[in-house]
Amino acid sequence: MKRICSIYKSPRKNEMYLYVLKAEGLERVPEGLLPVFGTPVHAFDLVLTPERKLAREDIAKVLENLDNQGYHLQMPPLEDEYIEHLPEELLRRNDPV
């Protein structure tokens, strides 16, 4: 099952993305989601297949959400995920205890 998907980024939340079927656009996205997401900014289009790898999302879940609800919302990573990827020298405190 191949899906042509449009991906929008949120102007309000860094690294929050909305996946929709390109043919449907934003028509199936719930009205209540858009005030939180902000006005969607088109980032790019992508062909999704079950074999495709995505950096931070499970492709099976994305495809399932697109089929069942008409959109998939990719949330930003938790702050802890940002912290654990910082270089070790930034995690150490430099001031005396």
C-alpha atoms as a PDB file:
ATOM      1  CA  MET A   1       0.000   0.000   0.000  1.00  0.00           C
ATOM      2  CA  LYS A   2       1.634   3.164  -1.263  1.00  0.00           C
ATOM      3  CA  ARG A   3       0.453   6.557  -0.009  1.00  0.00           C
ATOM      4  CA  ILE A   4       1.413   9.995  -1.277  1.00  0.00           C
ATOM      5  CA  CYS A   5       1.572  12.147   1.796  1.00  0.00           C
ATOM      6  CA  SER A   6       1.916  15.874   2.428  1.00  0.00           C
ATOM      7  CA  ILE A   7       3.791  16.800   5.579  1.00  0.00           C
ATOM      8  CA  TYR A   8       3.159  20.085   7.364  1.00  0.00           C
ATOM      9  CA  LYS A   9       5.179  21.616  10.164  1.00  0.00           C
ATOM     10  CA  SER A  10       3.724  23.507  13.063  1.00  0.00           C
ATOM     11  CA  PRO A  11       4.617  27.174  13.393  1.00  0.00           C
ATOM     12  CA  ARG A  12       3.946  26.892  17.152  1.00  0.00           C
ATOM     13  CA  LYS A  13       5.819  23.755  18.193  1.00  0.00           C
ATOM     14  CA  ASN A  14       9.306  22.956  16.958  1.00  0.00           C
ATOM     15  CA  GLU A  15       9.517  19.439  15.470  1.00  0.00           C
ATOM     16  CA  MET A  16       5.737  18.862  15.449  1.00  0.00           C
ATOM     17  CA  TYR A  17       4.525  17.582  12.077  1.00  0.00           C
ATOM     18  CA  LEU A  18       1.175  16.699  10.566  1.00  0.00           C
ATOM     19  CA  TYR A  19       1.010  13.952   7.918  1.00  0.00           C
ATOM     20  CA  VAL A  20      -2.024  13.910   5.591  1.00  0.00           C
ATOM     21  CA  LEU A  21      -2.888  12.165   2.351  1.00  0.00           C
ATOM     22  CA  LYS A  22      -1.976  14.584  -0.430  1.00  0.00           C
ATOM     23  CA  ALA A  23      -5.222  13.941  -2.319  1.00  0.00           C
ATOM     24  CA  GLU A  24      -7.306  14.863   0.748  1.00  0.00           C
ATOM     25  CA  GLY A  25      -5.207  17.699   2.086  1.00  0.00           C
ATOM     26  CA  LEU A  26      -6.286  18.976   5.485  1.00  0.00           C
ATOM     27  CA  GLU A  27      -9.991  18.147   5.087  1.00  0.00           C
ATOM     28  CA  ARG A  28      -9.992  15.239   7.595  1.00  0.00           C
ATOM     29  CA  VAL A  29      -7.910  17.011  10.251  1.00  0.00           C
ATOM     30  CA  PRO A  30     -10.148  17.805  13.254  1.00  0.00           C
ATOM     31  CA  GLU A  31     -10.902  21.509  13.746  1.00  0.00           C
ATOM     32  CA  GLY A  32      -9.850  21.260  17.395  1.00  0.00           C
ATOM     33  CA  LEU A  33      -6.309  20.233  16.443  1.00  0.00           C
ATOM     34  CA  LEU A  34      -5.490  23.244  14.280  1.00  0.00           C
ATOM     35  CA  PRO A  35      -5.640  25.929  17.026  1.00  0.00           C
ATOM     36  CA  VAL A  36      -3.022  23.944  18.977  1.00  0.00           C
ATOM     37  CA  PHE A  37      -0.946  23.051  15.896  1.00  0.00           C
ATOM     38  CA  GLY A  38      -1.164  26.513  14.327  1.00  0.00           C
ATOM     39  CA  THR A  39      -1.604  27.294  10.647  1.00  0.00           C
ATOM     40  CA  PRO A  40       0.045  24.322   8.899  1.00  0.00           C
ATOM     41  CA  VAL A  41       3.133  25.185   6.857  1.00  0.00           C
ATOM     42  CA  HIS A  42       3.736  22.762   3.972  1.00  0.00           C
ATOM     43  CA  ALA A  43       7.177  21.205   4.421  1.00  0.00           C
ATOM     44  CA  PHE A  44       7.295  18.544   1.692  1.00  0.00           C
ATOM     45  CA  ASP A  45       5.522  15.624   0.016  1.00  0.00           C
ATOM     46  CA  LEU A  46       6.626  12.037   0.493  1.00  0.00           C
ATOM     47  CA  VAL A  47       5.703   8.615  -0.868  1.00  0.00           C
ATOM     48  CA  LEU A  48       5.076   6.267   2.058  1.00  0.00           C
ATOM     49  CA  THR A  49       5.241   2.484   1.784  1.00  0.00           C
ATOM     50  CA  PRO A  50       5.389  -0.154   4.539  1.00  0.00           C
ATOM     51  CA  GLU A  51       9.075  -0.724   3.684  1.00  0.00           C
ATOM     52  CA  ARG A  52      10.075   2.921   4.079  1.00  0.00           C
ATOM     53  CA  LYS A  53      11.964   3.934   7.221  1.00  0.00           C
ATOM     54  CA  LEU A  54      11.114   7.154   9.016  1.00  0.00           C
ATOM     55  CA  ALA A  55      13.534   8.838  11.423  1.00  0.00           C
ATOM     56  CA  ARG A  56      11.217   9.179  14.430  1.00  0.00           C
ATOM     57  CA  GLU A  57       7.958   7.482  13.533  1.00  0.00           C
ATOM     58  CA  ASP A  58       6.747   3.920  13.089  1.00  0.00           C
ATOM     59  CA  ILE A  59       5.746   3.688   9.420  1.00  0.00           C
ATOM     60  CA  ALA A  60       3.044   1.096  10.179  1.00  0.00           C
ATOM     61  CA  LYS A  61       1.413   3.447  12.712  1.00  0.00           C
ATOM     62  CA  VAL A  62       1.630   6.417  10.322  1.00  0.00           C
ATOM     63  CA  LEU A  63      -0.034   4.442   7.509  1.00  0.00           C
ATOM     64  CA  GLU A  64      -2.687   3.094   9.894  1.00  0.00           C
ATOM     65  CA  ASN A  65      -3.506   6.598  11.152  1.00  0.00           C
ATOM     66  CA  LEU A  66      -3.686   7.968   7.609  1.00  0.00           C
ATOM     67  CA  ASP A  67      -6.137   5.226   6.608  1.00  0.00           C
ATOM     68  CA  ASN A  68      -8.280   5.294   9.766  1.00  0.00           C
ATOM     69  CA  GLN A  69      -8.383   8.963  10.720  1.00  0.00           C
ATOM     70  CA  GLY A  70      -6.987  10.813   7.708  1.00  0.00           C
ATOM     71  CA  TYR A  71      -3.943  12.272   9.450  1.00  0.00           C
ATOM     72  CA  HIS A  72      -0.977  11.428  11.672  1.00  0.00           C
ATOM     73  CA  LEU A  73       0.418  13.858  14.230  1.00  0.00           C
ATOM     74  CA  GLN A  74       4.156  13.597  14.976  1.00  0.00           C
ATOM     75  CA  MET A  75       4.847  15.079  18.372  1.00  0.00           C
ATOM     76  CA  PRO A  76       8.167  16.756  19.223  1.00  0.00           C
ATOM     77  CA  PRO A  77      10.638  14.627  21.177  1.00  0.00           C
ATOM     78  CA  LEU A  78      10.492  14.875  24.952  1.00  0.00           C
ATOM     79  CA  GLU A  79      12.965  17.247  26.572  1.00  0.00           C
ATOM     80  CA  ASP A  80      14.741  14.258  28.136  1.00  0.00           C
ATOM     81  CA  GLU A  81      15.511  12.988  24.633  1.00  0.00           C
ATOM     82  CA  TYR A  82      17.169  16.311  23.801  1.00  0.00           C
ATOM     83  CA  ILE A  83      19.240  16.198  26.979  1.00  0.00           C
ATOM     84  CA  GLU A  84      20.511  12.653  26.530  1.00  0.00           C
ATOM     85  CA  HIS A  85      21.908  13.607  23.107  1.00  0.00           C
ATOM     86  CA  LEU A  86      23.873  16.603  24.353  1.00  0.00           C
ATOM     87  CA  PRO A  87      27.642  16.258  24.454  1.00  0.00           C
ATOM     88  CA  GLU A  88      28.896  15.097  27.853  1.00  0.00           C
ATOM     89  CA  GLU A  89      30.791  18.350  28.512  1.00  0.00           C
ATOM     90  CA  LEU A  90      27.526  20.316  28.295  1.00  0.00           C
ATOM     91  CA  LEU A  91      25.861  18.032  30.831  1.00  0.00           C
ATOM     92  CA  ARG A  92      28.596  18.544  33.460  1.00  0.00           C
ATOM     93  CA  ARG A  93      28.429  21.569  35.685  1.00  0.00           C
ATOM     94  CA  ASN A  94      31.485  23.778  35.549  1.00  0.00           C
ATOM     95  CA  ASP A  95      30.864  25.709  38.733  1.00  0.00           C
ATOM     96  CA  PRO A  96      32.236  24.417  42.058  1.00  0.00           C
ATOM     97  CA  VAL A  97      29.816  22.647  44.365  1.00  0.00           C
END
